[in-house]
Protein backbone atom coordinates (compact mmCIF):
# COMPACT_ATOMS: atom_id res chain seq x y z
CA MET A 1 0.00 0.00 0.00
CA LEU A 2 1.21 3.49 -0.73
CA PRO A 3 2.01 5.13 2.63
CA GLY A 4 -0.87 7.21 3.88
CA THR A 5 -3.00 6.89 0.76
CA ALA A 6 -5.89 5.07 2.38
CA ASP A 7 -6.10 7.57 5.23
CA ILE A 8 -6.00 10.56 2.87
CA VAL A 9 -8.76 9.22 0.64
CA SER A 10 -10.94 8.11 3.54
CA LEU A 11 -10.72 11.49 5.24
CA HIS A 12 -11.48 13.19 1.95
CA LEU A 13 -14.63 11.18 1.32
CA ASN A 14 -15.87 11.12 4.89
CA ARG A 15 -16.61 14.83 4.69
CA PHE A 16 -19.68 13.82 2.68
CA ASN A 17 -22.82 11.89 3.48
CA SER A 18 -22.21 9.86 0.36
CA ILE A 19 -24.28 7.28 -1.43
CA GLY A 20 -22.33 4.09 -2.06
CA VAL A 21 -23.06 2.11 -5.22
CA PHE A 22 -21.47 -1.21 -6.14
CA ASP A 23 -21.42 -3.83 -8.87
CA SER A 24 -19.11 -6.55 -10.12
CA GLY A 25 -17.83 -4.14 -12.77
CA ILE A 26 -19.07 -1.35 -15.03
CA GLY A 27 -22.66 -2.59 -15.16
CA GLY A 28 -23.80 -0.50 -12.22
CA LEU A 29 -22.79 2.67 -14.06
CA SER A 30 -26.19 2.38 -15.75
CA VAL A 31 -27.70 2.93 -12.30
CA LEU A 32 -25.12 5.49 -11.19
CA LYS A 33 -25.86 7.64 -14.23
CA GLU A 34 -29.58 7.68 -13.45
CA ILE A 35 -28.90 8.62 -9.82
CA ARG A 36 -26.59 11.39 -10.99
CA LYS A 37 -29.30 12.78 -13.28
CA ILE A 38 -31.83 13.29 -10.49
CA MET A 39 -29.37 13.99 -7.64
CA PRO A 40 -26.82 16.25 -9.38
CA ASP A 41 -25.35 17.67 -6.17
CA GLN A 42 -25.02 14.39 -4.30
CA HIS A 43 -21.59 12.84 -3.88
CA LEU A 44 -21.48 9.24 -5.11
CA ILE A 45 -18.92 6.52 -4.43
CA TYR A 46 -18.90 3.69 -6.94
CA PHE A 47 -17.10 0.39 -6.42
CA GLY A 48 -16.61 -2.02 -9.32
CA ASP A 49 -15.28 -5.40 -8.21
CA GLN A 50 -13.66 -6.04 -11.57
CA ILE A 51 -11.18 -8.60 -10.30
CA HIS A 52 -14.16 -10.88 -9.58
CA VAL A 53 -16.36 -10.06 -12.57
CA PRO A 54 -18.72 -11.64 -13.53
CA TYR A 55 -20.68 -12.37 -10.36
CA GLY A 56 -23.24 -14.24 -12.44
CA ARG A 57 -20.95 -17.28 -12.68
CA ARG A 58 -20.12 -17.40 -8.98
CA SER A 59 -21.87 -19.18 -6.15
CA ILE A 60 -24.33 -17.35 -3.95
CA GLU A 61 -21.94 -17.87 -1.02
CA GLN A 62 -19.07 -16.20 -2.86
CA VAL A 63 -21.16 -13.24 -3.98
CA ARG A 64 -22.46 -12.81 -0.45
CA GLN A 65 -18.90 -12.74 0.90
CA PHE A 66 -17.82 -10.13 -1.65
CA SER A 67 -20.92 -8.01 -0.98
CA PHE A 68 -20.27 -8.05 2.76
CA GLY A 69 -16.67 -6.91 2.30
CA ILE A 70 -17.66 -4.18 -0.16
CA THR A 71 -20.37 -2.90 2.17
CA ASN A 72 -17.91 -2.58 5.04
CA PHE A 73 -15.50 -0.80 2.72
CA LEU A 74 -18.09 1.69 1.46
CA LEU A 75 -19.18 2.46 5.02
CA GLU A 76 -15.55 3.18 5.89
CA GLN A 77 -15.47 5.66 2.99
CA GLY A 78 -18.46 7.57 4.35
CA ALA A 79 -21.45 5.96 2.61
CA LYS A 80 -24.71 6.40 4.49
CA LEU A 81 -26.91 4.57 1.98
CA ILE A 82 -25.87 1.69 -0.27
CA VAL A 83 -27.24 0.78 -3.67
CA ILE A 84 -26.53 -2.77 -4.81
CA ALA A 85 -26.39 -1.95 -8.53
CA CYS A 86 -25.99 -5.59 -9.48
CA ASN A 87 -28.81 -8.06 -9.95
CA ALA A 88 -26.67 -11.06 -9.02
CA ALA A 89 -25.43 -9.41 -5.82
CA SER A 90 -28.96 -8.29 -4.95
CA ALA A 91 -30.27 -11.81 -5.49
CA ALA A 92 -27.54 -13.33 -3.34
CA SER A 93 -27.05 -10.66 -0.70
CA LEU A 94 -29.80 -8.06 -0.25
CA ILE A 95 -31.68 -9.85 2.53
CA PHE A 96 -28.39 -10.95 4.14
CA LEU A 97 -26.92 -7.43 4.13
CA ARG A 98 -30.05 -5.91 5.63
CA GLU A 99 -29.77 -8.43 8.45
CA GLN A 100 -26.06 -7.76 9.00
CA PHE A 101 -26.32 -3.94 8.79
CA PRO A 102 -29.79 -3.10 10.18
CA GLN A 103 -28.91 0.58 10.61
CA ILE A 104 -28.02 1.05 6.94
CA PRO A 105 -30.64 1.44 4.20
CA PHE A 106 -30.03 -0.70 1.12
CA VAL A 107 -31.55 -0.37 -2.33
CA GLY A 108 -31.31 -3.47 -4.49
CA MET A 109 -32.05 -4.52 -8.05
CA GLU A 110 -34.84 -6.88 -8.97
CA PRO A 111 -36.00 -7.91 -12.45
CA ALA A 112 -38.73 -5.50 -13.55
CA LEU A 113 -41.40 -8.14 -13.97
CA LYS A 114 -44.12 -5.96 -12.48
CA PRO A 115 -43.95 -3.28 -15.21
CA ALA A 116 -43.37 -6.01 -17.79
CA ALA A 117 -46.57 -7.78 -16.76
CA GLU A 118 -48.42 -4.46 -16.97
CA LYS A 119 -47.02 -3.57 -20.41
CA THR A 120 -47.26 -6.87 -22.25
CA HIS A 121 -50.13 -7.44 -24.67
CA SER A 122 -49.06 -10.86 -25.87
CA GLY A 123 -48.61 -12.25 -22.36
CA ALA A 124 -45.08 -13.40 -23.21
CA VAL A 125 -42.10 -11.74 -21.54
CA ALA A 126 -38.36 -12.40 -21.81
CA VAL A 127 -35.91 -11.86 -18.95
CA LEU A 128 -32.21 -11.53 -19.71
CA ALA A 129 -30.15 -12.05 -16.55
CA THR A 130 -27.30 -14.13 -15.18
CA GLN A 131 -27.60 -17.60 -13.70
CA THR A 132 -26.99 -16.36 -10.15
CA THR A 133 -29.93 -13.98 -10.48
CA PHE A 134 -32.22 -16.72 -11.75
CA GLN A 135 -31.22 -18.99 -8.86
CA GLY A 136 -31.76 -16.37 -6.15
CA GLN A 137 -34.60 -16.10 -3.67
CA LEU A 138 -35.33 -12.53 -4.79
CA TYR A 139 -36.06 -13.59 -8.37
CA ALA A 140 -38.31 -16.41 -7.18
CA SER A 141 -40.22 -13.94 -5.03
CA VAL A 142 -40.68 -11.49 -7.91
CA MET A 143 -41.87 -14.30 -10.17
CA GLU A 144 -44.40 -15.40 -7.57
CA ARG A 145 -45.74 -11.89 -7.01
CA PHE A 146 -45.91 -10.49 -10.51
CA ALA A 147 -45.62 -13.21 -13.16
CA ARG A 148 -48.58 -15.46 -12.41
CA ASP A 149 -50.55 -14.32 -15.44
CA VAL A 150 -47.73 -14.09 -17.98
CA THR A 151 -45.38 -16.56 -19.62
CA VAL A 152 -41.76 -15.78 -18.76
CA PHE A 153 -38.84 -16.96 -20.88
CA GLN A 154 -35.36 -16.77 -19.36
CA ASP A 155 -31.92 -16.55 -20.94
CA PRO A 156 -28.60 -16.13 -19.06
CA CYS A 157 -26.76 -14.72 -22.11
CA PRO A 158 -23.43 -16.42 -21.27
CA GLY A 159 -20.44 -14.29 -22.17
CA LEU A 160 -22.34 -11.02 -22.55
CA VAL A 161 -21.12 -9.42 -19.32
CA GLU A 162 -17.51 -10.16 -20.26
CA GLU A 163 -17.92 -8.49 -23.67
CA ILE A 164 -19.50 -5.42 -22.12
CA GLU A 165 -16.71 -5.20 -19.52
CA GLN A 166 -14.25 -4.91 -22.40
CA GLY A 167 -16.22 -2.04 -23.91
CA HIS A 168 -17.51 -4.14 -26.83
CA PHE A 169 -20.94 -2.52 -26.89
CA ASN A 170 -21.53 -3.16 -30.59
CA GLY A 171 -18.98 -5.86 -31.36
CA ASN A 172 -19.55 -8.93 -33.49
CA LYS A 173 -19.37 -11.28 -30.52
CA THR A 174 -21.75 -9.12 -28.48
CA ARG A 175 -24.21 -9.11 -31.37
CA ALA A 176 -23.90 -12.89 -31.80
CA ILE A 177 -24.63 -13.52 -28.11
CA LEU A 178 -27.71 -11.29 -28.18
CA GLU A 179 -29.01 -12.72 -31.45
CA LYS A 180 -28.63 -16.25 -30.11
CA ALA A 181 -30.70 -15.30 -27.06
CA LEU A 182 -33.31 -13.02 -28.61
CA ILE A 183 -34.14 -14.36 -32.06
CA PRO A 184 -35.57 -17.68 -30.75
CA LEU A 185 -37.54 -15.71 -28.14
CA LEU A 186 -39.16 -13.60 -30.85
CA THR A 187 -40.70 -16.79 -32.23
CA LYS A 188 -42.38 -17.21 -28.81
CA ASN A 189 -44.34 -14.00 -29.45
CA ILE A 190 -42.61 -11.98 -26.73
CA ASP A 191 -43.37 -8.27 -26.78
CA THR A 192 -41.38 -7.22 -23.70
CA VAL A 193 -37.74 -7.76 -22.72
CA VAL A 194 -36.67 -7.21 -19.11
CA LEU A 195 -33.02 -6.38 -18.53
CA GLY A 196 -32.16 -8.32 -15.38
CA CYS A 197 -28.47 -7.40 -15.29
CA THR A 198 -27.16 -3.86 -14.90
CA HIS A 199 -24.56 -4.46 -17.61
CA TYR A 200 -27.23 -4.99 -20.25
CA PRO A 201 -28.56 -1.39 -20.51
CA HIS A 202 -25.18 -0.50 -22.01
CA VAL A 203 -26.23 -2.44 -25.13
CA ILE A 204 -29.86 -1.28 -25.36
CA PRO A 205 -29.37 0.18 -28.86
CA LEU A 206 -28.15 -3.20 -30.10
CA ILE A 207 -30.97 -5.04 -28.33
CA LYS A 208 -33.57 -2.73 -29.89
CA GLU A 209 -31.99 -3.23 -33.30
CA ILE A 210 -32.41 -7.00 -32.94
CA VAL A 211 -35.93 -7.14 -31.44
CA GLY A 212 -37.46 -4.28 -33.42
CA GLU A 213 -39.62 -1.33 -32.48
CA ASN A 214 -42.66 -3.39 -31.46
CA VAL A 215 -40.90 -4.96 -28.46
CA ASN A 216 -40.59 -3.03 -25.20
CA VAL A 217 -37.18 -3.08 -23.52
CA ILE A 218 -37.39 -2.37 -19.79
CA ASP A 219 -34.40 -0.96 -17.92
CA PRO A 220 -35.04 -0.80 -14.14
CA ALA A 221 -32.25 1.75 -13.49
CA PRO A 222 -34.46 4.90 -13.57
CA ALA A 223 -36.88 3.40 -11.05
CA VAL A 224 -34.00 2.39 -8.77
CA ALA A 225 -32.63 5.94 -8.93
CA ILE A 226 -36.02 7.36 -7.92
CA GLN A 227 -36.22 4.94 -4.98
CA THR A 228 -32.68 5.88 -3.94
CA ARG A 229 -33.50 9.59 -3.90
CA LYS A 230 -36.71 8.95 -1.95
CA ILE A 231 -34.92 7.01 0.78
CA TYR A 232 -32.01 9.46 0.97
CA LEU A 233 -34.35 12.45 1.38
CA GLN A 234 -36.18 10.60 4.14
CA MET A 235 -32.84 10.31 5.95
CA ASN A 236 -32.59 14.12 5.93
CA PHE A 237 -28.83 14.22 5.35
CA GLN A 238 -26.89 17.25 4.21
CA ASP A 239 -23.31 17.29 2.92
CA THR A 240 -20.87 18.75 5.44
CA SER A 241 -18.71 20.19 2.66
CA GLN A 242 -19.90 23.09 0.53
CA ASN A 243 -17.65 22.18 -2.41
CA LYS A 244 -18.97 19.67 -4.92
CA ILE A 245 -16.27 17.17 -5.83
CA ALA A 246 -16.05 14.58 -8.54
CA GLU A 247 -17.69 11.22 -8.16
CA THR A 248 -15.33 8.56 -6.87
CA TRP A 249 -14.76 5.41 -8.92
CA ILE A 250 -13.02 2.62 -7.00
CA THR A 251 -12.05 -0.62 -8.71
CA SER A 252 -10.45 -3.86 -7.53
CA SER A 253 -8.73 -4.31 -10.89
CA SER A 254 -5.01 -3.65 -11.24
CA PRO A 255 -3.94 0.03 -11.46
CA LYS A 256 -2.14 -1.00 -14.67
CA GLU A 257 -5.43 -1.83 -16.40
CA PRO A 258 -6.81 1.18 -18.32
CA ARG A 259 -10.42 1.68 -17.26
CA GLY A 260 -10.91 5.43 -17.49
CA ALA A 261 -11.83 5.52 -21.18
CA ILE A 262 -14.64 2.97 -20.80
CA VAL A 263 -15.94 4.66 -17.66
CA ARG A 264 -15.90 8.03 -19.40
CA GLN A 265 -17.90 6.63 -22.30
CA LEU A 266 -20.61 5.32 -19.97
CA PHE A 267 -20.50 8.02 -17.29
CA PRO A 268 -19.64 11.42 -18.84
CA TYR A 269 -19.15 13.31 -15.59
CA ARG A 270 -16.16 14.27 -13.47
CA PHE A 271 -14.75 11.43 -11.42
CA GLN A 272 -11.61 10.34 -9.63
CA ILE A 273 -10.22 6.82 -9.89
CA CYS A 274 -8.98 4.87 -6.88
CA HIS A 275 -7.87 1.26 -6.59
CA ALA A 276 -8.58 -1.16 -3.77
CA LYS A 277 -7.15 -4.59 -3.10
CA TRP A 278 -8.76 -7.59 -1.45
CA ASN A 279 -6.89 -9.29 1.36
CA ASP A 280 -5.90 -12.96 1.08
CA GLN A 281 -9.21 -14.13 2.57
CA GLU A 282 -11.13 -11.92 0.10
CA ASP A 283 -13.31 -10.51 2.87
CA LYS A 284 -11.75 -7.06 3.35
CA LEU A 285 -10.71 -4.26 0.99
CA ASN A 286 -7.99 -1.65 1.38
CA LEU A 287 -7.34 1.38 -0.79
CA THR A 288 -3.96 1.03 -2.46
CA HIS A 289 -3.68 3.72 -5.12
CA GLU A 290 -5.37 6.98 -6.06
CA LYS A 291 -5.40 8.69 -9.42
CA ASN A 292 -7.40 11.84 -10.02
CA VAL A 293 -9.14 12.08 -13.37
CA SER A 294 -11.21 15.09 -14.34
CA PHE A 295 -13.84 14.44 -16.99
CA GLN A 296 -16.48 17.04 -17.77
C-alpha cells in the first residue's frame, strides 16, 4: 500500500454523506448515471469489483462474501446509503446485508417483472439475466408476485457481461450472443424484454436493433434511482462540505489496467479513480492507489 493513501482518501470522502453504489464491474454505471441525473449535487462513491467479474458465474456464497466486504469498505469511505447496482449481488445478498447492517438502508435490483406484466399485450415476456440472479430467492419472489398471469422466458446470455466489460458494446461477438438469445424468443411472441443485469442497458441500442420497435425493452435503473432519492431524502442528510467534488470510482482491478476511457464513455461526468485490493481471505478491501481524473 502506498504510505498514507488510504487515510488521505478516507478522510477526503468522509466529509460527505455519500451514497455508495457497487457492482461486479461497469454494469452498475447504468444505475449510477440515473442517480446522478436526479441527484446532481449528491456525492457518489462507486465500487466495481472487476477482479471478480462476472458475479453471475459465482456461487451465492461467494457473492455474499464479496458483498459483505464491499459494504464494510463503502461504510468506511463515508457511505450512508448503499445501492446494490448488481442483480446477481442483490439476489444473493440483499436480505443478508439488511440483516447484517440493520442501521443502513439498502436499495437493491430486482428484475422489472411488475412493469413487464403491466405492459405486455401478448402475455409473453423475456428476462435476460445471469444464472446467479435466476437462482436467487429474490427472483423467485418477484416471479411469484408479478408473473402469475404471464409466460416468462429466461436466458442467461453467457459471455455477454464479459464483452460489455471490455467495452464491446456493438462488437460482433456481443451481437452474436444477443441474437442467439433473442431471435428464438421472438418466435415465442414476446413483446417485452426485461433487462435483469445492470450491464445490459449499455447495449440497449443493439438489443432494440435486434428485437425491433414493437418490443418493449425495460431498464429498471431509472426506477432504482427514484427509490434511492426517496430514501435518501427521508434520511434528511446534508453534505458537510460546501464544495462539490467529482464522483469517486473505486475498482479492484489492477492500477495498470486502463479503465478510465470505458468509464468516461458510460458516465460522462467528473470522477476520480482509486484502486482497492482484497486481502488474502477476500473478505476485506484496502485502498492502495489513487489517481485523479477530471472528466467534464
